[in-house]
């Protein structure tokens, strides 16, 4: 495995973990929304969960790239 392939695998794993955490956070917000309003649909809860997963993945990848930046 080349160094570039190793970096790609690391980035994918970190993004995946971040998406999992973000999805769990989104699920919590989605459940609270359903409980509070009582009128929220499954679609709106799914959108919140999806947005949480996307935000978590993007944040984790951004942190990885920031930490991976060469030191000058």
PDB file of N, CA and C in Angstrom:
ATOM      1  N   UNK A   1       0.852  -1.166   0.000  1.00  0.00           N
ATOM      2  CA  UNK A   1       0.000   0.000   0.000  1.00  0.00           C
ATOM      3  C   UNK A   1       0.904   1.236   0.000  1.00  0.00           C
ATOM      4  N   UNK A   2       0.629   2.139  -0.927  1.00  0.00           N
ATOM      5  CA  UNK A   2       1.441   3.352  -1.023  1.00  0.00           C
ATOM      6  C   UNK A   2       1.064   4.330   0.085  1.00  0.00           C
ATOM      7  N   UNK A   3       1.894   5.329   0.261  1.00  0.00           N
ATOM      8  CA  UNK A   3       1.636   6.344   1.292  1.00  0.00           C
ATOM      9  C   UNK A   3       0.338   7.107   0.999  1.00  0.00           C
ATOM     10  N   UNK A   4       0.075   7.393  -0.275  1.00  0.00           N
ATOM     11  CA  UNK A   4      -1.149   8.095  -0.671  1.00  0.00           C
ATOM     12  C   UNK A   4      -2.378   7.243  -0.353  1.00  0.00           C
ATOM     13  N   UNK A   5      -2.297   5.942  -0.609  1.00  0.00           N
ATOM     14  CA  UNK A   5      -3.420   5.056  -0.306  1.00  0.00           C
ATOM     15  C   UNK A   5      -3.660   4.971   1.198  1.00  0.00           C
ATOM     16  N   UNK A   6      -2.581   4.971   1.987  1.00  0.00           N
ATOM     17  CA  UNK A   6      -2.714   4.950   3.445  1.00  0.00           C
ATOM     18  C   UNK A   6      -3.402   6.217   3.945  1.00  0.00           C
ATOM     19  N   UNK A   7      -3.020   7.373   3.392  1.00  0.00           N
ATOM     20  CA  UNK A   7      -3.646   8.633   3.781  1.00  0.00           C
ATOM     21  C   UNK A   7      -5.129   8.647   3.416  1.00  0.00           C
ATOM     22  N   UNK A   8      -5.453   8.119   2.242  1.00  0.00           N
ATOM     23  CA  UNK A   8      -6.846   8.059   1.812  1.00  0.00           C
ATOM     24  C   UNK A   8      -7.655   7.158   2.737  1.00  0.00           C
ATOM     25  N   UNK A   9      -7.094   6.025   3.123  1.00  0.00           N
ATOM     26  CA  UNK A   9      -7.783   5.105   4.034  1.00  0.00           C
ATOM     27  C   UNK A   9      -7.993   5.747   5.406  1.00  0.00           C
ATOM     28  N   UNK A  10      -6.989   6.455   5.901  1.00  0.00           N
ATOM     29  CA  UNK A  10      -7.118   7.136   7.194  1.00  0.00           C
ATOM     30  C   UNK A  10      -8.210   8.202   7.135  1.00  0.00           C
ATOM     31  N   UNK A  11      -8.213   8.986   6.064  1.00  0.00           N
ATOM     32  CA  UNK A  11      -9.216  10.050   5.925  1.00  0.00           C
ATOM     33  C   UNK A  11     -10.614   9.460   5.851  1.00  0.00           C
ATOM     34  N   UNK A  12     -10.765   8.358   5.132  1.00  0.00           N
ATOM     35  CA  UNK A  12     -12.076   7.713   5.017  1.00  0.00           C
ATOM     36  C   UNK A  12     -12.543   7.186   6.367  1.00  0.00           C
ATOM     37  N   UNK A  13     -11.639   6.590   7.126  1.00  0.00           N
ATOM     38  CA  UNK A  13     -12.006   6.056   8.443  1.00  0.00           C
ATOM     39  C   UNK A  13     -12.401   7.175   9.403  1.00  0.00           C
ATOM     40  N   UNK A  14     -11.664   8.259   9.383  1.00  0.00           N
ATOM     41  CA  UNK A  14     -11.955   9.380  10.284  1.00  0.00           C
ATOM     42  C   UNK A  14     -13.280  10.045   9.914  1.00  0.00           C
ATOM     43  N   UNK A  15     -13.505  10.230   8.610  1.00  0.00           N
ATOM     44  CA  UNK A  15     -14.759  10.829   8.156  1.00  0.00           C
ATOM     45  C   UNK A  15     -15.937   9.939   8.517  1.00  0.00           C
ATOM     46  N   UNK A  16     -15.759   8.647   8.364  1.00  0.00           N
ATOM     47  CA  UNK A  16     -16.805   7.686   8.696  1.00  0.00           C
ATOM     48  C   UNK A  16     -17.140   7.722  10.186  1.00  0.00           C
ATOM     49  N   UNK A  17     -16.119   7.779  11.021  1.00  0.00           N
ATOM     50  CA  UNK A  17     -16.347   7.855  12.466  1.00  0.00           C
ATOM     51  C   UNK A  17     -17.056   9.155  12.829  1.00  0.00           C
ATOM     52  N   UNK A  18     -16.641  10.252  12.212  1.00  0.00           N
ATOM     53  CA  UNK A  18     -17.291  11.540  12.465  1.00  0.00           C
ATOM     54  C   UNK A  18     -18.746  11.539  12.040  1.00  0.00           C
ATOM     55  N   UNK A  19     -19.034  10.880  10.918  1.00  0.00           N
ATOM     56  CA  UNK A  19     -20.418  10.792  10.450  1.00  0.00           C
ATOM     57  C   UNK A  19     -21.260   9.968  11.415  1.00  0.00           C
ATOM     58  N   UNK A  20     -20.677   8.928  11.988  1.00  0.00           N
ATOM     59  CA  UNK A  20     -21.402   8.121  12.965  1.00  0.00           C
ATOM     60  C   UNK A  20     -21.755   8.918  14.203  1.00  0.00           C
ATOM     61  N   UNK A  21     -20.798   9.676  14.686  1.00  0.00           N
ATOM     62  CA  UNK A  21     -21.039  10.522  15.864  1.00  0.00           C
ATOM     63  C   UNK A  21     -22.066  11.603  15.528  1.00  0.00           C
ATOM     64  N   UNK A  22     -21.913  12.223  14.365  1.00  0.00           N
ATOM     65  CA  UNK A  22     -22.864  13.259  13.955  1.00  0.00           C
ATOM     66  C   UNK A  22     -24.266  12.705  13.754  1.00  0.00           C
ATOM     67  N   UNK A  23     -24.353  11.494  13.212  1.00  0.00           N
ATOM     68  CA  UNK A  23     -25.662  10.854  13.033  1.00  0.00           C
ATOM     69  C   UNK A  23     -26.324  10.560  14.362  1.00  0.00           C
ATOM     70  N   UNK A  24     -25.533  10.120  15.330  1.00  0.00           N
ATOM     71  CA  UNK A  24     -26.084   9.864  16.670  1.00  0.00           C
ATOM     72  C   UNK A  24     -26.580  11.156  17.299  1.00  0.00           C
ATOM     73  N   UNK A  25     -25.814  12.234  17.132  1.00  0.00           N
ATOM     74  CA  UNK A  25     -26.252  13.534  17.649  1.00  0.00           C
ATOM     75  C   UNK A  25     -27.505  14.016  16.952  1.00  0.00           C
ATOM     76  N   UNK A  26     -27.553  13.809  15.645  1.00  0.00           N
ATOM     77  CA  UNK A  26     -28.744  14.187  14.885  1.00  0.00           C
ATOM     78  C   UNK A  26     -29.960  13.370  15.297  1.00  0.00           C
ATOM     79  N   UNK A  27     -29.735  12.102  15.610  1.00  0.00           N
ATOM     80  CA  UNK A  27     -30.843  11.252  16.050  1.00  0.00           C
ATOM     81  C   UNK A  27     -31.400  11.756  17.375  1.00  0.00           C
ATOM     82  N   UNK A  28     -30.547  12.192  18.251  1.00  0.00           N
ATOM     83  CA  UNK A  28     -30.996  12.729  19.532  1.00  0.00           C
ATOM     84  C   UNK A  28     -31.841  13.978  19.315  1.00  0.00           C
ATOM     85  N   UNK A  29     -31.356  14.878  18.457  1.00  0.00           N
ATOM     86  CA  UNK A  29     -32.106  16.090  18.159  1.00  0.00           C
ATOM     87  C   UNK A  29     -33.428  15.732  17.491  1.00  0.00           C
ATOM     88  N   UNK A  30     -33.406  14.753  16.582  1.00  0.00           N
ATOM     89  CA  UNK A  30     -34.633  14.331  15.903  1.00  0.00           C
ATOM     90  C   UNK A  30     -35.657  13.766  16.865  1.00  0.00           C
ATOM     91  N   UNK A  31     -35.206  12.966  17.821  1.00  0.00           N
ATOM     92  CA  UNK A  31     -36.120  12.398  18.804  1.00  0.00           C
ATOM     93  C   UNK A  31     -36.705  13.497  19.695  1.00  0.00           C
ATOM     94  N   UNK A  32     -35.853  14.446  20.104  1.00  0.00           N
ATOM     95  CA  UNK A  32     -36.365  15.552  20.925  1.00  0.00           C
ATOM     96  C   UNK A  32     -37.375  16.395  20.154  1.00  0.00           C
ATOM     97  N   UNK A  33     -37.111  16.589  18.880  1.00  0.00           N
ATOM     98  CA  UNK A  33     -38.043  17.361  18.059  1.00  0.00           C
ATOM     99  C   UNK A  33     -39.393  16.652  17.998  1.00  0.00           C
ATOM    100  N   UNK A  34     -39.379  15.357  17.781  1.00  0.00           N
ATOM    101  CA  UNK A  34     -40.634  14.602  17.717  1.00  0.00           C
ATOM    102  C   UNK A  34     -41.382  14.670  19.049  1.00  0.00           C
ATOM    103  N   UNK A  35     -40.656  14.539  20.137  1.00  0.00           N
ATOM    104  CA  UNK A  35     -41.306  14.556  21.446  1.00  0.00           C
ATOM    105  C   UNK A  35     -41.866  15.930  21.775  1.00  0.00           C
ATOM    106  N   UNK A  36     -41.133  16.963  21.429  1.00  0.00           N
ATOM    107  CA  UNK A  36     -41.559  18.317  21.786  1.00  0.00           C
ATOM    108  C   UNK A  36     -42.763  18.777  20.972  1.00  0.00           C
ATOM    109  N   UNK A  37     -42.731  18.549  19.689  1.00  0.00           N
ATOM    110  CA  UNK A  37     -43.795  19.062  18.829  1.00  0.00           C
ATOM    111  C   UNK A  37     -44.946  18.076  18.678  1.00  0.00           C
ATOM    112  N   UNK A  38     -44.627  16.822  18.617  1.00  0.00           N
ATOM    113  CA  UNK A  38     -45.669  15.832  18.414  1.00  0.00           C
ATOM    114  C   UNK A  38     -46.245  15.851  17.008  1.00  0.00           C
ATOM    115  N   UNK A  39     -45.807  16.780  16.182  1.00  0.00           N
ATOM    116  CA  UNK A  39     -46.341  16.885  14.824  1.00  0.00           C
ATOM    117  C   UNK A  39     -45.257  16.676  13.771  1.00  0.00           C
ATOM    118  N   UNK A  40     -44.042  16.498  14.225  1.00  0.00           N
ATOM    119  CA  UNK A  40     -42.940  16.305  13.277  1.00  0.00           C
ATOM    120  C   UNK A  40     -43.110  14.959  12.583  1.00  0.00           C
ATOM    121  N   UNK A  41     -42.750  14.934  11.334  1.00  0.00           N
ATOM    122  CA  UNK A  41     -42.876  13.703  10.562  1.00  0.00           C
ATOM    123  C   UNK A  41     -41.572  12.917  10.620  1.00  0.00           C
ATOM    124  N   UNK A  42     -41.646  11.681  10.177  1.00  0.00           N
ATOM    125  CA  UNK A  42     -40.441  10.856  10.097  1.00  0.00           C
ATOM    126  C   UNK A  42     -39.458  11.469   9.107  1.00  0.00           C
ATOM    127  N   UNK A  43     -39.976  12.133   8.091  1.00  0.00           N
ATOM    128  CA  UNK A  43     -39.108  12.764   7.098  1.00  0.00           C
ATOM    129  C   UNK A  43     -38.276  13.878   7.727  1.00  0.00           C
ATOM    130  N   UNK A  44     -38.895  14.716   8.542  1.00  0.00           N
ATOM    131  CA  UNK A  44     -38.128  15.807   9.153  1.00  0.00           C
ATOM    132  C   UNK A  44     -37.088  15.266  10.130  1.00  0.00           C
ATOM    133  N   UNK A  45     -37.415  14.207  10.864  1.00  0.00           N
ATOM    134  CA  UNK A  45     -36.434  13.595  11.766  1.00  0.00           C
ATOM    135  C   UNK A  45     -35.288  12.985  10.957  1.00  0.00           C
ATOM    136  N   UNK A  46     -35.601  12.362   9.828  1.00  0.00           N
ATOM    137  CA  UNK A  46     -34.564  11.781   8.972  1.00  0.00           C
ATOM    138  C   UNK A  46     -33.648  12.849   8.401  1.00  0.00           C
ATOM    139  N   UNK A  47     -34.209  13.982   8.042  1.00  0.00           N
ATOM    140  CA  UNK A  47     -33.402  15.086   7.524  1.00  0.00           C
ATOM    141  C   UNK A  47     -32.443  15.586   8.596  1.00  0.00           C
ATOM    142  N   UNK A  48     -32.919  15.709   9.815  1.00  0.00           N
ATOM    143  CA  UNK A  48     -32.062  16.170  10.915  1.00  0.00           C
ATOM    144  C   UNK A  48     -30.936  15.174  11.160  1.00  0.00           C
ATOM    145  N   UNK A  49     -31.247  13.894  11.145  1.00  0.00           N
ATOM    146  CA  UNK A  49     -30.223  12.863  11.354  1.00  0.00           C
ATOM    147  C   UNK A  49     -29.198  12.905  10.224  1.00  0.00           C
ATOM    148  N   UNK A  50     -29.668  13.037   8.985  1.00  0.00           N
ATOM    149  CA  UNK A  50     -28.759  13.106   7.839  1.00  0.00           C
ATOM    150  C   UNK A  50     -27.856  14.326   7.879  1.00  0.00           C
ATOM    151  N   UNK A  51     -28.418  15.456   8.250  1.00  0.00           N
ATOM    152  CA  UNK A  51     -27.608  16.674   8.355  1.00  0.00           C
ATOM    153  C   UNK A  51     -26.573  16.554   9.470  1.00  0.00           C
ATOM    154  N   UNK A  52     -26.948  15.912  10.564  1.00  0.00           N
ATOM    155  CA  UNK A  52     -25.999  15.693  11.654  1.00  0.00           C
ATOM    156  C   UNK A  52     -24.849  14.800  11.218  1.00  0.00           C
ATOM    157  N   UNK A  53     -25.160  13.758  10.466  1.00  0.00           N
ATOM    158  CA  UNK A  53     -24.117  12.850   9.968  1.00  0.00           C
ATOM    159  C   UNK A  53     -23.193  13.574   9.000  1.00  0.00           C
ATOM    160  N   UNK A  54     -23.766  14.370   8.104  1.00  0.00           N
ATOM    161  CA  UNK A  54     -22.947  15.104   7.130  1.00  0.00           C
ATOM    162  C   UNK A  54     -22.049  16.119   7.837  1.00  0.00           C
ATOM    163  N   UNK A  55     -22.602  16.830   8.801  1.00  0.00           N
ATOM    164  CA  UNK A  55     -21.811  17.822   9.531  1.00  0.00           C
ATOM    165  C   UNK A  55     -20.703  17.157  10.340  1.00  0.00           C
ATOM    166  N   UNK A  56     -21.014  16.040  10.981  1.00  0.00           N
ATOM    167  CA  UNK A  56     -20.004  15.323  11.758  1.00  0.00           C
ATOM    168  C   UNK A  56     -18.872  14.810  10.893  1.00  0.00           C
ATOM    169  N   UNK A  57     -19.222  14.257   9.733  1.00  0.00           N
ATOM    170  CA  UNK A  57     -18.196  13.768   8.808  1.00  0.00           C
ATOM    171  C   UNK A  57     -17.322  14.879   8.271  1.00  0.00           C
ATOM    172  N   UNK A  58     -17.948  15.991   7.904  1.00  0.00           N
ATOM    173  CA  UNK A  58     -17.186  17.128   7.386  1.00  0.00           C
ATOM    174  C   UNK A  58     -16.277  17.722   8.450  1.00  0.00           C
ATOM    175  N   UNK A  59     -16.773  17.817   9.660  1.00  0.00           N
ATOM    176  CA  UNK A  59     -15.964  18.355  10.751  1.00  0.00           C
ATOM    177  C   UNK A  59     -14.762  17.457  11.040  1.00  0.00           C
ATOM    178  N   UNK A  60     -15.007  16.157  11.112  1.00  0.00           N
ATOM    179  CA  UNK A  60     -13.912  15.214  11.392  1.00  0.00           C
ATOM    180  C   UNK A  60     -12.860  15.256  10.291  1.00  0.00           C
ATOM    181  N   UNK A  61     -13.293  15.327   9.042  1.00  0.00           N
ATOM    182  CA  UNK A  61     -12.342  15.389   7.934  1.00  0.00           C
ATOM    183  C   UNK A  61     -11.547  16.692   7.978  1.00  0.00           C
ATOM    184  N   UNK A  62     -12.224  17.784   8.291  1.00  0.00           N
ATOM    185  CA  UNK A  62     -11.542  19.077   8.391  1.00  0.00           C
ATOM    186  C   UNK A  62     -10.487  19.080   9.491  1.00  0.00           C
ATOM    187  N   UNK A  63     -10.821  18.495  10.629  1.00  0.00           N
ATOM    188  CA  UNK A  63      -9.854  18.412  11.728  1.00  0.00           C
ATOM    189  C   UNK A  63      -8.671  17.540  11.317  1.00  0.00           C
ATOM    190  N   UNK A  64      -8.948  16.424  10.654  1.00  0.00           N
ATOM    191  CA  UNK A  64      -7.875  15.531  10.188  1.00  0.00           C
ATOM    192  C   UNK A  64      -6.933  16.272   9.242  1.00  0.00           C
ATOM    193  N   UNK A  65      -7.489  17.005   8.283  1.00  0.00           N
ATOM    194  CA  UNK A  65      -6.656  17.735   7.318  1.00  0.00           C
ATOM    195  C   UNK A  65      -5.861  18.832   8.022  1.00  0.00           C
ATOM    196  N   UNK A  66      -6.475  19.479   9.014  1.00  0.00           N
ATOM    197  CA  UNK A  66      -5.789  20.529   9.752  1.00  0.00           C
ATOM    198  C   UNK A  66      -4.620  19.958  10.545  1.00  0.00           C
ATOM    199  N   UNK A  67      -4.829  18.813  11.194  1.00  0.00           N
ATOM    200  CA  UNK A  67      -3.760  18.195  11.959  1.00  0.00           C
ATOM    201  C   UNK A  67      -2.686  17.586  11.071  1.00  0.00           C
ATOM    202  N   UNK A  68      -3.060  17.183   9.874  1.00  0.00           N
ATOM    203  CA  UNK A  68      -2.126  16.545   8.943  1.00  0.00           C
ATOM    204  C   UNK A  68      -1.268  17.566   8.198  1.00  0.00           C
ATOM    205  N   UNK A  69      -1.663  18.848   8.245  1.00  0.00           N
ATOM    206  CA  UNK A  69      -0.948  19.896   7.533  1.00  0.00           C
ATOM    207  C   UNK A  69       0.518  19.893   7.939  1.00  0.00           C
ATOM    208  N   UNK A  70       1.426  19.993   6.954  1.00  0.00           N
ATOM    209  CA  UNK A  70       2.851  19.979   7.292  1.00  0.00           C
ATOM    210  C   UNK A  70       3.220  21.175   8.177  1.00  0.00           C
ATOM    211  N   UNK A  71       4.072  20.921   9.127  1.00  0.00           N
ATOM    212  CA  UNK A  71       4.542  21.969  10.022  1.00  0.00           C
ATOM    213  C   UNK A  71       5.619  22.777   9.297  1.00  0.00           C
ATOM    214  N   UNK A  72       5.511  24.088   9.317  1.00  0.00           N
ATOM    215  CA  UNK A  72       6.498  24.931   8.629  1.00  0.00           C
ATOM    216  C   UNK A  72       7.531  25.439   9.598  1.00  0.00           C
TER     217      UNK A  72
END
